[in-house]
Amino acid sequence: MATMRTITVTGEGTAEAVPDLLTLTLAVEVRRDSAAEAYDDAGQTASAVTGALRGHGVEDSGLRTSGLNLRAELAWSENHGQKINGYTAATTLVARVSPPSAAPAAISAAVAAGGDSVRINGIEQGFRNSTAVAAEAQEAAWFDAEAKAARFAALSGARLGQVLSIDQRPEHGSPVPLTAGFARAAASEGVAIEAGSVAISAAVVVRWELQSPDGDGD
């Protein structure tokens, strides 16, 4: 019995769309003489920041605390060794803002509420529901795999038979760079954020049976 000939290829596809969600990461960092003061003041500042975000349409489900840290600030003295100069309390907040056009005003309000204790650690644009965009990327990946397999089959003097296996690789979203890169600013809304587009990528590994041109599998 002849051994079945097969071909396995990887197809890749990408779909792009305008994002409808912006994920903002903020840090609150407070330095005080005592650990208790640092911790309490950081909590009050974080509450003020989240209150400002809620006031600009960020839902409770869109707010998350992702980190909390309290540490001593040490300094070295040649005559006295290490000495504690104070304590720093820090926490990280993640906010989901939708639509992204509401983000500049929300960020400005958060910065005003937190003052010098606020740090902006970054933004990421994406989708509230990426299913439709992901489906387009998967379809593009499938057609890419099929085209590659058909091309290699023809080069080998064969044609594609039935699909034997499909292995979908994990999808991932990657923000396309901001189109204007924080280029515009207004005192009432802070730094402008350009929506640009966000790409969802997909990859699929497909294995086909190879058939001879007359339709035989060997």
N, C-alpha and C. Protein backbone atom coordinates (compact mmCIF):
# COMPACT_ATOMS: atom_id res chain seq x y z
N MET A 1 0.84 -1.20 0.00
CA MET A 1 0.00 0.00 0.00
C MET A 1 0.88 1.25 0.00
N ALA A 2 0.59 2.13 -0.91
CA ALA A 2 1.42 3.33 -1.03
C ALA A 2 1.21 4.25 0.16
N THR A 3 2.29 4.90 0.56
CA THR A 3 2.21 5.86 1.65
C THR A 3 1.52 7.14 1.18
N MET A 4 0.61 7.63 2.00
CA MET A 4 -0.08 8.87 1.64
C MET A 4 0.89 10.04 1.66
N ARG A 5 0.85 10.83 0.60
CA ARG A 5 1.65 12.04 0.56
C ARG A 5 0.84 13.20 1.11
N THR A 6 1.50 14.04 1.89
CA THR A 6 0.81 15.18 2.49
C THR A 6 1.66 16.44 2.38
N ILE A 7 1.03 17.56 2.61
CA ILE A 7 1.73 18.84 2.67
C ILE A 7 1.16 19.64 3.84
N THR A 8 2.03 20.26 4.61
CA THR A 8 1.63 21.07 5.76
C THR A 8 2.17 22.48 5.59
N VAL A 9 1.31 23.47 5.69
CA VAL A 9 1.74 24.86 5.54
C VAL A 9 1.14 25.70 6.66
N THR A 10 1.77 26.84 6.90
CA THR A 10 1.27 27.81 7.87
C THR A 10 0.76 29.04 7.13
N GLY A 11 -0.47 29.39 7.40
CA GLY A 11 -1.06 30.59 6.80
C GLY A 11 -1.17 31.70 7.84
N GLU A 12 -0.94 32.92 7.42
CA GLU A 12 -1.02 34.05 8.31
C GLU A 12 -1.92 35.12 7.71
N GLY A 13 -2.68 35.78 8.56
CA GLY A 13 -3.58 36.83 8.09
C GLY A 13 -3.73 37.93 9.11
N THR A 14 -4.06 39.11 8.63
CA THR A 14 -4.22 40.28 9.50
C THR A 14 -5.45 41.07 9.07
N ALA A 15 -6.18 41.57 10.04
CA ALA A 15 -7.31 42.45 9.78
C ALA A 15 -7.17 43.68 10.65
N GLU A 16 -7.51 44.83 10.10
CA GLU A 16 -7.38 46.09 10.82
C GLU A 16 -8.73 46.79 10.94
N ALA A 17 -8.91 47.51 12.04
CA ALA A 17 -10.13 48.28 12.25
C ALA A 17 -9.81 49.43 13.20
N VAL A 18 -10.68 50.43 13.19
CA VAL A 18 -10.51 51.56 14.10
C VAL A 18 -10.91 51.11 15.50
N PRO A 19 -10.06 51.30 16.51
CA PRO A 19 -10.37 50.82 17.86
C PRO A 19 -11.51 51.60 18.50
N ASP A 20 -12.23 50.92 19.38
CA ASP A 20 -13.31 51.57 20.13
C ASP A 20 -13.07 51.52 21.64
N LEU A 21 -11.83 51.16 22.02
CA LEU A 21 -11.49 51.04 23.44
C LEU A 21 -10.05 51.47 23.65
N LEU A 22 -9.81 52.22 24.71
CA LEU A 22 -8.45 52.59 25.09
C LEU A 22 -8.20 52.13 26.52
N THR A 23 -7.12 51.40 26.72
CA THR A 23 -6.74 50.95 28.06
C THR A 23 -5.59 51.81 28.56
N LEU A 24 -5.84 52.49 29.66
CA LEU A 24 -4.89 53.45 30.23
C LEU A 24 -4.29 52.87 31.51
N THR A 25 -2.98 52.95 31.64
CA THR A 25 -2.30 52.50 32.86
C THR A 25 -1.70 53.70 33.57
N LEU A 26 -2.15 53.93 34.79
CA LEU A 26 -1.68 55.04 35.62
C LEU A 26 -1.01 54.50 36.87
N ALA A 27 -0.01 55.20 37.36
CA ALA A 27 0.62 54.85 38.63
C ALA A 27 0.48 56.03 39.58
N VAL A 28 0.21 55.72 40.83
CA VAL A 28 0.18 56.72 41.91
C VAL A 28 1.36 56.42 42.82
N GLU A 29 2.22 57.39 43.04
CA GLU A 29 3.42 57.19 43.86
C GLU A 29 3.56 58.35 44.84
N VAL A 30 3.59 58.02 46.14
CA VAL A 30 3.64 59.03 47.20
C VAL A 30 4.81 58.74 48.14
N ARG A 31 5.60 59.76 48.43
CA ARG A 31 6.73 59.61 49.35
C ARG A 31 6.48 60.46 50.59
N ARG A 32 6.57 59.82 51.78
CA ARG A 32 6.35 60.50 53.04
C ARG A 32 7.39 60.03 54.06
N ASP A 33 7.41 60.73 55.22
CA ASP A 33 8.39 60.40 56.26
C ASP A 33 8.11 59.06 56.93
N SER A 34 6.84 58.69 57.03
CA SER A 34 6.49 57.42 57.68
C SER A 34 5.75 56.52 56.70
N ALA A 35 5.81 55.22 56.99
CA ALA A 35 5.14 54.25 56.13
C ALA A 35 3.63 54.45 56.14
N ALA A 36 3.08 54.73 57.33
CA ALA A 36 1.63 54.91 57.44
C ALA A 36 1.16 56.12 56.63
N GLU A 37 1.91 57.22 56.71
CA GLU A 37 1.54 58.42 55.96
C GLU A 37 1.59 58.15 54.46
N ALA A 38 2.64 57.49 54.02
CA ALA A 38 2.79 57.20 52.59
C ALA A 38 1.64 56.32 52.10
N TYR A 39 1.33 55.30 52.89
CA TYR A 39 0.27 54.35 52.50
C TYR A 39 -1.09 55.04 52.46
N ASP A 40 -1.41 55.80 53.50
CA ASP A 40 -2.71 56.48 53.56
C ASP A 40 -2.86 57.52 52.46
N ASP A 41 -1.82 58.32 52.25
CA ASP A 41 -1.90 59.36 51.23
C ASP A 41 -1.98 58.77 49.82
N ALA A 42 -1.30 57.66 49.61
CA ALA A 42 -1.39 57.00 48.30
C ALA A 42 -2.82 56.50 48.07
N GLY A 43 -3.44 55.97 49.12
CA GLY A 43 -4.82 55.51 49.00
C GLY A 43 -5.77 56.65 48.69
N GLN A 44 -5.59 57.78 49.37
CA GLN A 44 -6.45 58.93 49.12
C GLN A 44 -6.26 59.46 47.70
N THR A 45 -5.02 59.51 47.25
CA THR A 45 -4.75 60.00 45.90
C THR A 45 -5.34 59.06 44.85
N ALA A 46 -5.18 57.75 45.07
CA ALA A 46 -5.73 56.78 44.13
C ALA A 46 -7.26 56.90 44.07
N SER A 47 -7.88 57.12 45.22
CA SER A 47 -9.34 57.28 45.24
C SER A 47 -9.76 58.53 44.47
N ALA A 48 -8.98 59.61 44.61
CA ALA A 48 -9.29 60.84 43.87
C ALA A 48 -9.16 60.61 42.37
N VAL A 49 -8.14 59.87 41.98
CA VAL A 49 -7.91 59.60 40.56
C VAL A 49 -9.05 58.75 39.99
N THR A 50 -9.42 57.67 40.68
CA THR A 50 -10.50 56.82 40.18
C THR A 50 -11.83 57.57 40.18
N GLY A 51 -12.03 58.46 41.16
CA GLY A 51 -13.24 59.27 41.17
C GLY A 51 -13.32 60.18 39.96
N ALA A 52 -12.18 60.76 39.59
CA ALA A 52 -12.14 61.62 38.40
C ALA A 52 -12.42 60.81 37.13
N LEU A 53 -11.89 59.61 37.06
CA LEU A 53 -12.13 58.76 35.89
C LEU A 53 -13.60 58.36 35.80
N ARG A 54 -14.20 58.02 36.95
CA ARG A 54 -15.63 57.68 36.95
C ARG A 54 -16.46 58.88 36.50
N GLY A 55 -16.03 60.07 36.90
CA GLY A 55 -16.75 61.28 36.51
C GLY A 55 -16.68 61.56 35.02
N HIS A 56 -15.78 60.89 34.33
CA HIS A 56 -15.66 61.05 32.87
C HIS A 56 -16.05 59.78 32.13
N GLY A 57 -16.96 59.03 32.73
CA GLY A 57 -17.59 57.92 32.02
C GLY A 57 -16.94 56.56 32.14
N VAL A 58 -15.87 56.43 32.93
CA VAL A 58 -15.25 55.12 33.09
C VAL A 58 -16.08 54.31 34.08
N GLU A 59 -16.54 53.15 33.65
CA GLU A 59 -17.40 52.31 34.48
C GLU A 59 -16.58 51.59 35.56
N ASP A 60 -17.28 51.19 36.63
CA ASP A 60 -16.60 50.45 37.71
C ASP A 60 -15.93 49.19 37.18
N SER A 61 -16.59 48.52 36.23
CA SER A 61 -16.02 47.29 35.66
C SER A 61 -14.79 47.57 34.82
N GLY A 62 -14.58 48.85 34.46
CA GLY A 62 -13.43 49.21 33.65
C GLY A 62 -12.27 49.73 34.46
N LEU A 63 -12.36 49.65 35.79
CA LEU A 63 -11.28 50.10 36.67
C LEU A 63 -10.70 48.91 37.43
N ARG A 64 -9.38 48.85 37.48
CA ARG A 64 -8.74 47.72 38.16
C ARG A 64 -7.43 48.18 38.80
N THR A 65 -7.19 47.73 40.02
CA THR A 65 -5.90 47.95 40.68
C THR A 65 -5.01 46.76 40.38
N SER A 66 -3.85 47.01 39.77
CA SER A 66 -3.01 45.89 39.33
C SER A 66 -1.71 45.77 40.11
N GLY A 67 -1.45 46.69 41.05
CA GLY A 67 -0.21 46.59 41.81
C GLY A 67 -0.25 47.47 43.05
N LEU A 68 0.45 47.05 44.09
CA LEU A 68 0.53 47.82 45.32
C LEU A 68 1.90 47.56 45.94
N ASN A 69 2.60 48.65 46.30
CA ASN A 69 3.95 48.50 46.82
C ASN A 69 4.22 49.55 47.89
N LEU A 70 4.89 49.13 48.97
CA LEU A 70 5.31 50.06 50.03
C LEU A 70 6.76 49.72 50.35
N ARG A 71 7.64 50.70 50.20
CA ARG A 71 9.06 50.41 50.40
C ARG A 71 9.75 51.55 51.14
N ALA A 72 10.83 51.21 51.82
CA ALA A 72 11.65 52.21 52.50
C ALA A 72 12.65 52.78 51.52
N GLU A 73 12.88 54.08 51.60
CA GLU A 73 13.88 54.74 50.78
C GLU A 73 15.18 54.83 51.59
N LEU A 74 16.21 54.15 51.10
CA LEU A 74 17.47 54.04 51.83
C LEU A 74 18.54 54.93 51.20
N ALA A 75 19.36 55.51 52.04
CA ALA A 75 20.50 56.31 51.58
C ALA A 75 21.74 55.86 52.35
N TRP A 76 22.87 55.88 51.68
CA TRP A 76 24.12 55.43 52.28
C TRP A 76 24.90 56.63 52.81
N SER A 77 25.31 56.53 54.05
CA SER A 77 26.16 57.55 54.66
C SER A 77 27.46 56.88 55.07
N GLU A 78 28.59 57.50 54.74
CA GLU A 78 29.89 56.87 55.00
C GLU A 78 30.12 56.62 56.48
N ASN A 79 29.63 57.48 57.30
CA ASN A 79 29.86 57.33 58.74
C ASN A 79 28.76 56.54 59.46
N HIS A 80 27.59 56.47 58.85
CA HIS A 80 26.46 55.84 59.54
C HIS A 80 25.87 54.65 58.79
N GLY A 81 26.39 54.32 57.63
CA GLY A 81 25.85 53.21 56.86
C GLY A 81 24.52 53.57 56.21
N GLN A 82 23.66 52.58 56.06
CA GLN A 82 22.37 52.83 55.44
C GLN A 82 21.42 53.51 56.42
N LYS A 83 20.67 54.46 55.89
CA LYS A 83 19.72 55.19 56.71
C LYS A 83 18.41 55.34 55.94
N ILE A 84 17.29 55.18 56.65
CA ILE A 84 15.98 55.33 56.02
C ILE A 84 15.65 56.81 55.93
N ASN A 85 15.43 57.27 54.69
CA ASN A 85 15.10 58.68 54.46
C ASN A 85 13.61 58.93 54.28
N GLY A 86 12.83 57.89 54.26
CA GLY A 86 11.40 58.03 54.07
C GLY A 86 10.81 56.75 53.50
N TYR A 87 9.54 56.81 53.15
CA TYR A 87 8.84 55.64 52.62
C TYR A 87 8.05 56.05 51.39
N THR A 88 8.00 55.15 50.43
CA THR A 88 7.25 55.40 49.20
C THR A 88 6.18 54.32 49.03
N ALA A 89 4.95 54.76 48.85
CA ALA A 89 3.84 53.85 48.56
C ALA A 89 3.41 54.08 47.12
N ALA A 90 3.19 53.01 46.40
CA ALA A 90 2.82 53.12 44.98
C ALA A 90 1.76 52.09 44.64
N THR A 91 0.87 52.47 43.76
CA THR A 91 -0.15 51.55 43.26
C THR A 91 -0.37 51.82 41.78
N THR A 92 -0.79 50.82 41.06
CA THR A 92 -1.03 50.94 39.63
C THR A 92 -2.50 50.74 39.34
N LEU A 93 -3.05 51.63 38.54
CA LEU A 93 -4.45 51.59 38.16
C LEU A 93 -4.58 51.37 36.66
N VAL A 94 -5.50 50.52 36.27
CA VAL A 94 -5.77 50.27 34.85
C VAL A 94 -7.21 50.67 34.58
N ALA A 95 -7.41 51.54 33.59
CA ALA A 95 -8.74 52.04 33.26
C ALA A 95 -9.05 51.77 31.80
N ARG A 96 -10.24 51.29 31.54
CA ARG A 96 -10.71 51.05 30.17
C ARG A 96 -11.67 52.18 29.79
N VAL A 97 -11.25 52.97 28.80
CA VAL A 97 -12.01 54.15 28.39
C VAL A 97 -12.61 53.90 27.01
N SER A 98 -13.92 54.10 26.91
CA SER A 98 -14.60 53.92 25.62
C SER A 98 -15.68 54.99 25.47
N PRO A 99 -15.69 55.66 24.31
CA PRO A 99 -14.78 55.53 23.16
C PRO A 99 -13.44 56.20 23.43
N PRO A 100 -12.41 55.90 22.64
CA PRO A 100 -11.10 56.51 22.86
C PRO A 100 -11.11 58.03 22.79
N SER A 101 -12.08 58.60 22.09
CA SER A 101 -12.15 60.06 22.00
C SER A 101 -12.41 60.71 23.36
N ALA A 102 -12.92 59.92 24.33
CA ALA A 102 -13.16 60.44 25.67
C ALA A 102 -11.90 60.41 26.53
N ALA A 103 -10.83 59.78 26.03
CA ALA A 103 -9.64 59.58 26.85
C ALA A 103 -8.90 60.86 27.21
N PRO A 104 -8.68 61.82 26.30
CA PRO A 104 -7.91 63.01 26.69
C PRO A 104 -8.50 63.74 27.89
N ALA A 105 -9.82 63.95 27.88
CA ALA A 105 -10.45 64.65 29.00
C ALA A 105 -10.37 63.82 30.28
N ALA A 106 -10.55 62.49 30.16
CA ALA A 106 -10.48 61.62 31.33
C ALA A 106 -9.08 61.60 31.92
N ILE A 107 -8.07 61.56 31.06
CA ILE A 107 -6.69 61.55 31.54
C ILE A 107 -6.36 62.88 32.22
N SER A 108 -6.79 63.99 31.61
CA SER A 108 -6.52 65.29 32.21
C SER A 108 -7.14 65.40 33.59
N ALA A 109 -8.38 64.89 33.73
CA ALA A 109 -9.05 64.94 35.02
C ALA A 109 -8.32 64.09 36.05
N ALA A 110 -7.83 62.91 35.63
CA ALA A 110 -7.09 62.04 36.54
C ALA A 110 -5.80 62.68 37.00
N VAL A 111 -5.09 63.33 36.07
CA VAL A 111 -3.83 63.99 36.41
C VAL A 111 -4.09 65.17 37.35
N ALA A 112 -5.15 65.92 37.09
CA ALA A 112 -5.49 67.04 37.96
C ALA A 112 -5.84 66.55 39.37
N ALA A 113 -6.55 65.42 39.46
CA ALA A 113 -6.95 64.89 40.76
C ALA A 113 -5.76 64.35 41.54
N GLY A 114 -4.80 63.74 40.83
CA GLY A 114 -3.65 63.14 41.51
C GLY A 114 -2.46 64.05 41.65
N GLY A 115 -2.42 65.12 40.87
CA GLY A 115 -1.31 66.07 40.95
C GLY A 115 0.03 65.44 40.62
N ASP A 116 1.04 65.86 41.36
CA ASP A 116 2.41 65.40 41.09
C ASP A 116 2.63 63.94 41.46
N SER A 117 1.65 63.32 42.09
CA SER A 117 1.81 61.91 42.49
C SER A 117 1.40 60.93 41.40
N VAL A 118 0.90 61.44 40.26
CA VAL A 118 0.41 60.58 39.18
C VAL A 118 1.48 60.39 38.12
N ARG A 119 1.58 59.16 37.62
CA ARG A 119 2.46 58.84 36.50
C ARG A 119 1.61 58.13 35.43
N ILE A 120 1.83 58.49 34.18
CA ILE A 120 1.16 57.78 33.09
C ILE A 120 2.13 56.74 32.55
N ASN A 121 1.76 55.48 32.69
CA ASN A 121 2.66 54.39 32.28
C ASN A 121 2.42 53.89 30.87
N GLY A 122 1.30 54.31 30.26
CA GLY A 122 1.10 53.89 28.88
C GLY A 122 -0.37 53.74 28.53
N ILE A 123 -0.63 53.64 27.22
CA ILE A 123 -1.97 53.40 26.72
C ILE A 123 -1.90 52.28 25.68
N GLU A 124 -3.02 51.60 25.52
CA GLU A 124 -3.13 50.57 24.48
C GLU A 124 -4.54 50.64 23.90
N GLN A 125 -4.63 50.68 22.58
CA GLN A 125 -5.92 50.76 21.94
C GLN A 125 -6.34 49.39 21.43
N GLY A 126 -7.64 49.14 21.52
CA GLY A 126 -8.15 47.83 21.10
C GLY A 126 -9.65 47.87 20.90
N PHE A 127 -10.31 46.74 21.16
CA PHE A 127 -11.73 46.61 20.88
C PHE A 127 -12.48 46.08 22.10
N ARG A 128 -13.70 46.57 22.27
CA ARG A 128 -14.56 46.02 23.31
C ARG A 128 -14.92 44.58 22.97
N ASN A 129 -15.11 44.30 21.70
CA ASN A 129 -15.40 42.95 21.23
C ASN A 129 -14.64 42.74 19.93
N SER A 130 -13.59 41.95 19.99
CA SER A 130 -12.71 41.77 18.83
C SER A 130 -13.12 40.59 17.95
N THR A 131 -14.28 39.97 18.21
CA THR A 131 -14.67 38.75 17.49
C THR A 131 -14.73 38.94 15.99
N ALA A 132 -15.39 40.02 15.55
CA ALA A 132 -15.56 40.23 14.11
C ALA A 132 -14.22 40.47 13.41
N VAL A 133 -13.36 41.26 14.03
CA VAL A 133 -12.05 41.54 13.44
C VAL A 133 -11.20 40.27 13.43
N ALA A 134 -11.27 39.49 14.52
CA ALA A 134 -10.52 38.23 14.58
C ALA A 134 -10.98 37.26 13.50
N ALA A 135 -12.30 37.23 13.23
CA ALA A 135 -12.81 36.32 12.20
C ALA A 135 -12.25 36.70 10.82
N GLU A 136 -12.13 37.99 10.54
CA GLU A 136 -11.54 38.42 9.27
C GLU A 136 -10.09 37.99 9.18
N ALA A 137 -9.36 38.10 10.28
CA ALA A 137 -7.96 37.69 10.28
C ALA A 137 -7.83 36.18 10.08
N GLN A 138 -8.72 35.41 10.69
CA GLN A 138 -8.69 33.95 10.53
C GLN A 138 -8.98 33.55 9.09
N GLU A 139 -9.95 34.24 8.48
CA GLU A 139 -10.28 33.94 7.09
C GLU A 139 -9.10 34.25 6.18
N ALA A 140 -8.44 35.37 6.44
CA ALA A 140 -7.26 35.73 5.64
C ALA A 140 -6.15 34.70 5.82
N ALA A 141 -5.98 34.19 7.04
CA ALA A 141 -4.96 33.18 7.31
C ALA A 141 -5.27 31.88 6.56
N TRP A 142 -6.55 31.51 6.53
CA TRP A 142 -6.94 30.29 5.81
C TRP A 142 -6.63 30.40 4.32
N PHE A 143 -7.02 31.51 3.70
CA PHE A 143 -6.77 31.68 2.26
C PHE A 143 -5.27 31.74 1.96
N ASP A 144 -4.51 32.29 2.89
CA ASP A 144 -3.06 32.33 2.72
C ASP A 144 -2.49 30.91 2.74
N ALA A 145 -2.96 30.10 3.69
CA ALA A 145 -2.49 28.72 3.77
C ALA A 145 -2.88 27.93 2.52
N GLU A 146 -4.11 28.11 2.08
CA GLU A 146 -4.59 27.39 0.90
C GLU A 146 -3.80 27.76 -0.35
N ALA A 147 -3.52 29.05 -0.50
CA ALA A 147 -2.76 29.50 -1.68
C ALA A 147 -1.34 28.94 -1.66
N LYS A 148 -0.71 28.96 -0.49
CA LYS A 148 0.64 28.41 -0.39
C LYS A 148 0.66 26.91 -0.71
N ALA A 149 -0.29 26.19 -0.13
CA ALA A 149 -0.33 24.74 -0.34
C ALA A 149 -0.57 24.40 -1.81
N ALA A 150 -1.49 25.11 -2.44
CA ALA A 150 -1.79 24.85 -3.86
C ALA A 150 -0.57 25.14 -4.73
N ARG A 151 0.15 26.20 -4.38
CA ARG A 151 1.34 26.56 -5.16
C ARG A 151 2.42 25.47 -5.05
N PHE A 152 2.68 25.02 -3.83
CA PHE A 152 3.69 23.98 -3.64
C PHE A 152 3.26 22.65 -4.25
N ALA A 153 1.96 22.36 -4.16
CA ALA A 153 1.47 21.12 -4.76
C ALA A 153 1.68 21.14 -6.26
N ALA A 154 1.37 22.27 -6.90
CA ALA A 154 1.55 22.38 -8.35
C ALA A 154 3.02 22.25 -8.72
N LEU A 155 3.91 22.84 -7.93
CA LEU A 155 5.33 22.75 -8.21
C LEU A 155 5.83 21.31 -8.12
N SER A 156 5.16 20.52 -7.29
CA SER A 156 5.58 19.12 -7.13
C SER A 156 4.84 18.18 -8.07
N GLY A 157 4.01 18.76 -8.95
CA GLY A 157 3.28 17.93 -9.90
C GLY A 157 2.11 17.21 -9.28
N ALA A 158 1.50 17.80 -8.25
CA ALA A 158 0.36 17.18 -7.59
C ALA A 158 -0.74 18.23 -7.43
N ARG A 159 -1.83 17.82 -6.79
CA ARG A 159 -2.88 18.77 -6.46
C ARG A 159 -3.37 18.46 -5.06
N LEU A 160 -4.07 19.43 -4.47
CA LEU A 160 -4.53 19.26 -3.10
C LEU A 160 -5.73 18.34 -3.03
N GLY A 161 -5.70 17.47 -2.03
CA GLY A 161 -6.84 16.61 -1.74
C GLY A 161 -7.61 17.14 -0.54
N GLN A 162 -8.07 16.24 0.30
CA GLN A 162 -8.87 16.65 1.45
C GLN A 162 -7.97 17.21 2.57
N VAL A 163 -8.57 18.06 3.39
CA VAL A 163 -7.87 18.60 4.55
C VAL A 163 -7.81 17.52 5.62
N LEU A 164 -6.60 17.27 6.13
CA LEU A 164 -6.40 16.23 7.13
C LEU A 164 -6.37 16.78 8.56
N SER A 165 -5.88 18.00 8.73
CA SER A 165 -5.84 18.58 10.08
C SER A 165 -5.74 20.09 9.98
N ILE A 166 -6.27 20.77 10.99
CA ILE A 166 -6.20 22.22 11.11
C ILE A 166 -5.78 22.56 12.53
N ASP A 167 -4.73 23.34 12.65
CA ASP A 167 -4.24 23.75 13.97
C ASP A 167 -4.19 25.27 14.01
N GLN A 168 -5.12 25.86 14.76
CA GLN A 168 -5.17 27.32 14.86
C GLN A 168 -4.20 27.80 15.91
N ARG A 169 -3.35 28.73 15.54
CA ARG A 169 -2.42 29.33 16.48
C ARG A 169 -3.11 30.48 17.21
N PRO A 170 -2.65 30.81 18.41
CA PRO A 170 -3.28 31.91 19.15
C PRO A 170 -3.21 33.21 18.39
N GLU A 171 -4.35 33.98 18.45
CA GLU A 171 -4.36 35.29 17.80
C GLU A 171 -3.78 36.31 18.77
N HIS A 172 -3.37 37.43 18.21
CA HIS A 172 -2.90 38.51 19.06
C HIS A 172 -3.17 39.85 18.39
N GLY A 173 -3.45 40.84 19.19
CA GLY A 173 -3.68 42.19 18.67
C GLY A 173 -2.45 43.03 18.88
N SER A 174 -2.15 43.87 17.91
CA SER A 174 -0.99 44.74 18.05
C SER A 174 -1.35 46.14 17.58
N PRO A 175 -1.24 47.13 18.46
CA PRO A 175 -1.61 48.48 18.06
C PRO A 175 -0.70 49.02 16.97
N VAL A 176 -1.31 49.60 15.95
CA VAL A 176 -0.55 50.33 14.95
C VAL A 176 -0.15 51.66 15.58
N PRO A 177 1.06 52.19 15.33
CA PRO A 177 1.49 53.43 15.97
C PRO A 177 0.48 54.55 15.82
N LEU A 178 0.39 55.40 16.85
CA LEU A 178 -0.51 56.54 16.80
C LEU A 178 -0.18 57.40 15.59
N THR A 179 -1.20 57.75 14.83
CA THR A 179 -0.97 58.43 13.56
C THR A 179 -0.37 59.82 13.72
N ALA A 180 -0.65 60.48 14.85
CA ALA A 180 -0.08 61.82 15.02
C ALA A 180 0.80 61.91 16.26
N GLY A 181 0.96 60.79 16.92
CA GLY A 181 1.91 60.71 18.02
C GLY A 181 1.83 61.81 19.05
N PHE A 182 0.67 62.03 19.65
CA PHE A 182 0.52 63.07 20.67
C PHE A 182 0.93 64.44 20.15
N ALA A 183 0.59 64.74 18.94
CA ALA A 183 1.08 65.98 18.34
C ALA A 183 0.31 67.21 18.78
N ARG A 184 -1.00 67.09 19.08
CA ARG A 184 -1.79 68.26 19.40
C ARG A 184 -2.13 68.27 20.88
N ALA A 185 -2.23 69.46 21.45
CA ALA A 185 -2.58 69.59 22.86
C ALA A 185 -3.54 70.75 23.04
N ALA A 186 -4.46 70.61 23.99
CA ALA A 186 -5.37 71.68 24.34
C ALA A 186 -5.49 71.70 25.84
N ALA A 187 -5.51 72.88 26.43
CA ALA A 187 -5.48 73.00 27.88
C ALA A 187 -6.66 72.32 28.53
N SER A 188 -7.81 72.31 27.86
CA SER A 188 -9.01 71.76 28.47
C SER A 188 -9.08 70.25 28.38
N GLU A 189 -8.39 69.66 27.41
CA GLU A 189 -8.49 68.22 27.20
C GLU A 189 -7.15 67.51 27.27
N GLY A 190 -6.06 68.21 27.47
CA GLY A 190 -4.77 67.55 27.57
C GLY A 190 -4.24 67.15 26.21
N VAL A 191 -3.41 66.14 26.20
CA VAL A 191 -2.73 65.70 24.98
C VAL A 191 -3.70 64.93 24.08
N ALA A 192 -3.75 65.29 22.80
CA ALA A 192 -4.63 64.61 21.86
C ALA A 192 -4.15 63.19 21.60
N ILE A 193 -5.09 62.29 21.43
CA ILE A 193 -4.77 60.89 21.13
C ILE A 193 -5.43 60.54 19.81
N GLU A 194 -4.63 60.10 18.85
CA GLU A 194 -5.14 59.73 17.54
C GLU A 194 -5.50 58.25 17.54
N ALA A 195 -6.67 57.94 16.99
CA ALA A 195 -7.16 56.56 17.04
C ALA A 195 -6.33 55.62 16.17
N GLY A 196 -5.96 56.07 14.95
CA GLY A 196 -5.22 55.17 14.07
C GLY A 196 -6.02 53.90 13.80
N SER A 197 -5.35 52.78 13.76
CA SER A 197 -6.02 51.49 13.59
C SER A 197 -5.26 50.43 14.37
N VAL A 198 -5.98 49.37 14.70
CA VAL A 198 -5.40 48.26 15.45
C VAL A 198 -5.52 46.99 14.62
N ALA A 199 -4.45 46.23 14.58
CA ALA A 199 -4.42 45.00 13.78
C ALA A 199 -4.58 43.78 14.67
N ILE A 200 -5.42 42.85 14.20
CA ILE A 200 -5.54 41.54 14.82
C ILE A 200 -4.94 40.52 13.85
N SER A 201 -4.01 39.73 14.33
CA SER A 201 -3.34 38.74 13.48
C SER A 201 -3.78 37.33 13.86
N ALA A 202 -3.76 36.45 12.88
CA ALA A 202 -4.11 35.05 13.10
C ALA A 202 -3.17 34.17 12.29
N ALA A 203 -2.96 32.96 12.77
CA ALA A 203 -2.13 31.98 12.05
C ALA A 203 -2.78 30.61 12.18
N VAL A 204 -2.69 29.85 11.09
CA VAL A 204 -3.28 28.52 11.08
C VAL A 204 -2.34 27.56 10.36
N VAL A 205 -2.18 26.37 10.92
CA VAL A 205 -1.36 25.32 10.30
C VAL A 205 -2.31 24.26 9.74
N VAL A 206 -2.26 24.05 8.43
CA VAL A 206 -3.19 23.13 7.77
C VAL A 206 -2.40 22.03 7.05
N ARG A 207 -2.90 20.83 7.18
CA ARG A 207 -2.27 19.67 6.52
C ARG A 207 -3.25 19.11 5.50
N TRP A 208 -2.79 19.02 4.24
CA TRP A 208 -3.61 18.49 3.16
C TRP A 208 -3.05 17.15 2.67
N GLU A 209 -3.93 16.38 2.10
CA GLU A 209 -3.51 15.21 1.33
C GLU A 209 -3.06 15.69 -0.04
N LEU A 210 -1.98 15.11 -0.55
CA LEU A 210 -1.52 15.40 -1.89
C LEU A 210 -1.98 14.30 -2.84
N GLN A 211 -2.60 14.74 -3.94
CA GLN A 211 -3.08 13.78 -4.92
C GLN A 211 -2.36 14.00 -6.25
N SER A 212 -2.30 12.95 -7.02
CA SER A 212 -1.73 13.08 -8.36
C SER A 212 -2.71 13.88 -9.23
N PRO A 213 -2.25 14.44 -10.33
CA PRO A 213 -3.12 15.28 -11.17
C PRO A 213 -4.39 14.57 -11.65
N ASP A 214 -4.35 13.25 -11.77
CA ASP A 214 -5.54 12.53 -12.26
C ASP A 214 -6.52 12.21 -11.14
N GLY A 215 -6.17 12.63 -9.91
CA GLY A 215 -7.10 12.44 -8.80
C GLY A 215 -6.75 11.32 -7.87
N ASP A 216 -5.75 10.49 -8.19
CA ASP A 216 -5.34 9.41 -7.30
C ASP A 216 -4.59 9.96 -6.11
N GLY A 217 -4.69 9.32 -4.98
CA GLY A 217 -4.02 9.78 -3.78
C GLY A 217 -2.56 9.40 -3.71
N ASP A 218 -2.07 8.55 -4.60
CA ASP A 218 -0.66 8.13 -4.50
C ASP A 218 0.20 8.82 -5.54
